[in-house]
Amino acid sequence: MSDDRPRLALAAELLATTDEGSAERHVAAATALLRAGHLDRARAQLWTALRRFLQERRLDDALATAEQLVALDPADDAARAQLHELQILRRQAHRRAATHRQA
């Protein structure tokens, strides 16, 4: 059986560059890069996706991406800080929504 990891990594990079504004493309590229064994490049794609999700104000997607970053490297202080910040924002958003429904 041949090693498809180099082709998978190339496909991931092409995927990410076909629509650089698409956070989903960066997440898909990260997944392919992980399968190809390129952890650092996958993390870079996830950080790009996270920035895009935040720009688009997609809090749940940003939170899920931050969780993936922490899962890939629990010692990454920046990823853990970002995750913590997003968890706080999510709690605040849920409180505001609950307060709004009660009014």
C-alpha atoms as a PDB file:
ATOM      1  CA  MET A   1       0.000   0.000   0.000  1.00  0.00           C
ATOM      2  CA  SER A   2       1.421   3.395  -0.954  1.00  0.00           C
ATOM      3  CA  ASP A   3       1.811   6.321   1.406  1.00  0.00           C
ATOM      4  CA  ASP A   4      -0.808   8.907   0.445  1.00  0.00           C
ATOM      5  CA  ARG A   5       0.210  11.442   3.102  1.00  0.00           C
ATOM      6  CA  PRO A   6       2.178  13.743   0.756  1.00  0.00           C
ATOM      7  CA  ARG A   7      -0.732  13.902  -1.695  1.00  0.00           C
ATOM      8  CA  LEU A   8      -3.172  14.426   1.162  1.00  0.00           C
ATOM      9  CA  ALA A   9      -1.079  17.317   2.491  1.00  0.00           C
ATOM     10  CA  LEU A  10      -0.924  18.898  -0.973  1.00  0.00           C
ATOM     11  CA  ALA A  11      -4.677  18.521  -1.390  1.00  0.00           C
ATOM     12  CA  ALA A  12      -5.192  20.164   2.001  1.00  0.00           C
ATOM     13  CA  GLU A  13      -3.103  23.166   1.034  1.00  0.00           C
ATOM     14  CA  LEU A  14      -4.948  23.509  -2.262  1.00  0.00           C
ATOM     15  CA  LEU A  15      -8.268  23.241  -0.452  1.00  0.00           C
ATOM     16  CA  ALA A  16      -7.362  26.066   1.909  1.00  0.00           C
ATOM     17  CA  THR A  17      -6.169  28.346  -0.885  1.00  0.00           C
ATOM     18  CA  THR A  18      -9.159  27.862  -3.197  1.00  0.00           C
ATOM     19  CA  ASP A  19     -11.262  30.084  -0.931  1.00  0.00           C
ATOM     20  CA  GLU A  20      -9.051  31.675   1.688  1.00  0.00           C
ATOM     21  CA  GLY A  21     -11.997  33.537   3.188  1.00  0.00           C
ATOM     22  CA  SER A  22     -13.837  30.325   4.002  1.00  0.00           C
ATOM     23  CA  ALA A  23     -13.325  29.173   7.565  1.00  0.00           C
ATOM     24  CA  GLU A  24     -14.807  25.798   6.657  1.00  0.00           C
ATOM     25  CA  ARG A  25     -12.145  25.289   3.992  1.00  0.00           C
ATOM     26  CA  HIS A  26      -9.444  25.922   6.567  1.00  0.00           C
ATOM     27  CA  VAL A  27     -11.023  23.421   8.966  1.00  0.00           C
ATOM     28  CA  ALA A  28     -11.215  20.842   6.173  1.00  0.00           C
ATOM     29  CA  ALA A  29      -7.590  21.539   5.263  1.00  0.00           C
ATOM     30  CA  ALA A  30      -6.597  21.105   8.911  1.00  0.00           C
ATOM     31  CA  THR A  31      -8.348  17.751   9.031  1.00  0.00           C
ATOM     32  CA  ALA A  32      -6.530  16.561   5.920  1.00  0.00           C
ATOM     33  CA  LEU A  33      -3.207  17.849   7.235  1.00  0.00           C
ATOM     34  CA  LEU A  34      -3.726  15.978  10.493  1.00  0.00           C
ATOM     35  CA  ARG A  35      -4.406  12.786   8.579  1.00  0.00           C
ATOM     36  CA  ALA A  36      -1.205  13.430   6.640  1.00  0.00           C
ATOM     37  CA  GLY A  37       0.723  13.834   9.882  1.00  0.00           C
ATOM     38  CA  HIS A  38       1.365  17.575   9.619  1.00  0.00           C
ATOM     39  CA  LEU A  39       0.362  18.767  13.081  1.00  0.00           C
ATOM     40  CA  ASP A  40       1.927  22.240  12.937  1.00  0.00           C
ATOM     41  CA  ARG A  41       0.408  23.039   9.552  1.00  0.00           C
ATOM     42  CA  ALA A  42      -2.966  21.739  10.732  1.00  0.00           C
ATOM     43  CA  ARG A  43      -2.806  23.992  13.778  1.00  0.00           C
ATOM     44  CA  ALA A  44      -1.999  26.976  11.542  1.00  0.00           C
ATOM     45  CA  GLN A  45      -5.078  26.237   9.435  1.00  0.00           C
ATOM     46  CA  LEU A  46      -7.232  25.973  12.571  1.00  0.00           C
ATOM     47  CA  TRP A  47      -5.972  29.345  13.829  1.00  0.00           C
ATOM     48  CA  THR A  48      -6.874  30.867  10.466  1.00  0.00           C
ATOM     49  CA  ALA A  49     -10.335  29.288  10.662  1.00  0.00           C
ATOM     50  CA  LEU A  50     -10.762  30.584  14.203  1.00  0.00           C
ATOM     51  CA  ARG A  51      -9.948  34.140  13.117  1.00  0.00           C
ATOM     52  CA  ARG A  52     -12.457  33.868  10.257  1.00  0.00           C
ATOM     53  CA  PHE A  53     -15.180  32.525  12.542  1.00  0.00           C
ATOM     54  CA  LEU A  54     -14.580  35.405  14.939  1.00  0.00           C
ATOM     55  CA  GLN A  55     -14.703  37.953  12.103  1.00  0.00           C
ATOM     56  CA  GLU A  56     -18.032  36.455  11.034  1.00  0.00           C
ATOM     57  CA  ARG A  57     -19.253  36.477  14.668  1.00  0.00           C
ATOM     58  CA  ARG A  58     -19.828  32.718  14.590  1.00  0.00           C
ATOM     59  CA  LEU A  59     -19.231  32.090  18.270  1.00  0.00           C
ATOM     60  CA  ASP A  60     -20.177  28.405  18.372  1.00  0.00           C
ATOM     61  CA  ASP A  61     -17.914  27.581  15.421  1.00  0.00           C
ATOM     62  CA  ALA A  62     -15.078  29.603  16.922  1.00  0.00           C
ATOM     63  CA  LEU A  63     -15.528  27.796  20.229  1.00  0.00           C
ATOM     64  CA  ALA A  64     -15.448  24.376  18.537  1.00  0.00           C
ATOM     65  CA  THR A  65     -12.287  25.342  16.665  1.00  0.00           C
ATOM     66  CA  ALA A  66     -10.609  26.565  19.861  1.00  0.00           C
ATOM     67  CA  GLU A  67     -11.519  23.246  21.490  1.00  0.00           C
ATOM     68  CA  GLN A  68      -9.813  21.435  18.613  1.00  0.00           C
ATOM     69  CA  LEU A  69      -6.691  23.558  19.031  1.00  0.00           C
ATOM     70  CA  VAL A  70      -6.508  22.755  22.740  1.00  0.00           C
ATOM     71  CA  ALA A  71      -7.098  19.061  22.035  1.00  0.00           C
ATOM     72  CA  LEU A  72      -4.190  19.055  19.579  1.00  0.00           C
ATOM     73  CA  ASP A  73      -1.836  20.737  22.041  1.00  0.00           C
ATOM     74  CA  PRO A  74      -3.068  21.054  25.642  1.00  0.00           C
ATOM     75  CA  ALA A  75       0.139  22.938  26.522  1.00  0.00           C
ATOM     76  CA  ASP A  76      -0.648  25.751  24.044  1.00  0.00           C
ATOM     77  CA  ASP A  77      -1.308  28.696  26.360  1.00  0.00           C
ATOM     78  CA  ALA A  78      -2.669  30.879  23.550  1.00  0.00           C
ATOM     79  CA  ALA A  79      -5.212  28.240  22.516  1.00  0.00           C
ATOM     80  CA  ARG A  80      -6.281  27.651  26.119  1.00  0.00           C
ATOM     81  CA  ALA A  81      -6.658  31.401  26.721  1.00  0.00           C
ATOM     82  CA  GLN A  82      -8.699  31.778  23.536  1.00  0.00           C
ATOM     83  CA  LEU A  83     -10.915  28.854  24.538  1.00  0.00           C
ATOM     84  CA  HIS A  84     -11.465  30.328  27.995  1.00  0.00           C
ATOM     85  CA  GLU A  85     -12.377  33.732  26.524  1.00  0.00           C
ATOM     86  CA  LEU A  86     -14.833  32.149  24.094  1.00  0.00           C
ATOM     87  CA  GLN A  87     -16.429  30.101  26.862  1.00  0.00           C
ATOM     88  CA  ILE A  88     -17.017  33.316  28.824  1.00  0.00           C
ATOM     89  CA  LEU A  89     -18.515  35.014  25.758  1.00  0.00           C
ATOM     90  CA  ARG A  90     -20.800  32.051  25.168  1.00  0.00           C
ATOM     91  CA  ARG A  91     -22.059  32.107  28.770  1.00  0.00           C
ATOM     92  CA  GLN A  92     -22.715  35.847  28.488  1.00  0.00           C
ATOM     93  CA  ALA A  93     -24.591  35.356  25.221  1.00  0.00           C
ATOM     94  CA  HIS A  94     -26.751  32.630  26.757  1.00  0.00           C
ATOM     95  CA  ARG A  95     -27.528  34.844  29.767  1.00  0.00           C
ATOM     96  CA  ARG A  96     -28.522  37.737  27.511  1.00  0.00           C
ATOM     97  CA  ALA A  97     -30.758  35.447  25.464  1.00  0.00           C
ATOM     98  CA  ALA A  98     -32.413  34.074  28.612  1.00  0.00           C
ATOM     99  CA  THR A  99     -32.965  37.579  29.978  1.00  0.00           C
ATOM    100  CA  HIS A 100     -34.396  38.720  26.665  1.00  0.00           C
ATOM    101  CA  ARG A 101     -36.846  35.789  26.568  1.00  0.00           C
ATOM    102  CA  GLN A 102     -38.049  36.593  30.087  1.00  0.00           C
ATOM    103  CA  ALA A 103     -38.696  40.266  29.270  1.00  0.00           C
END
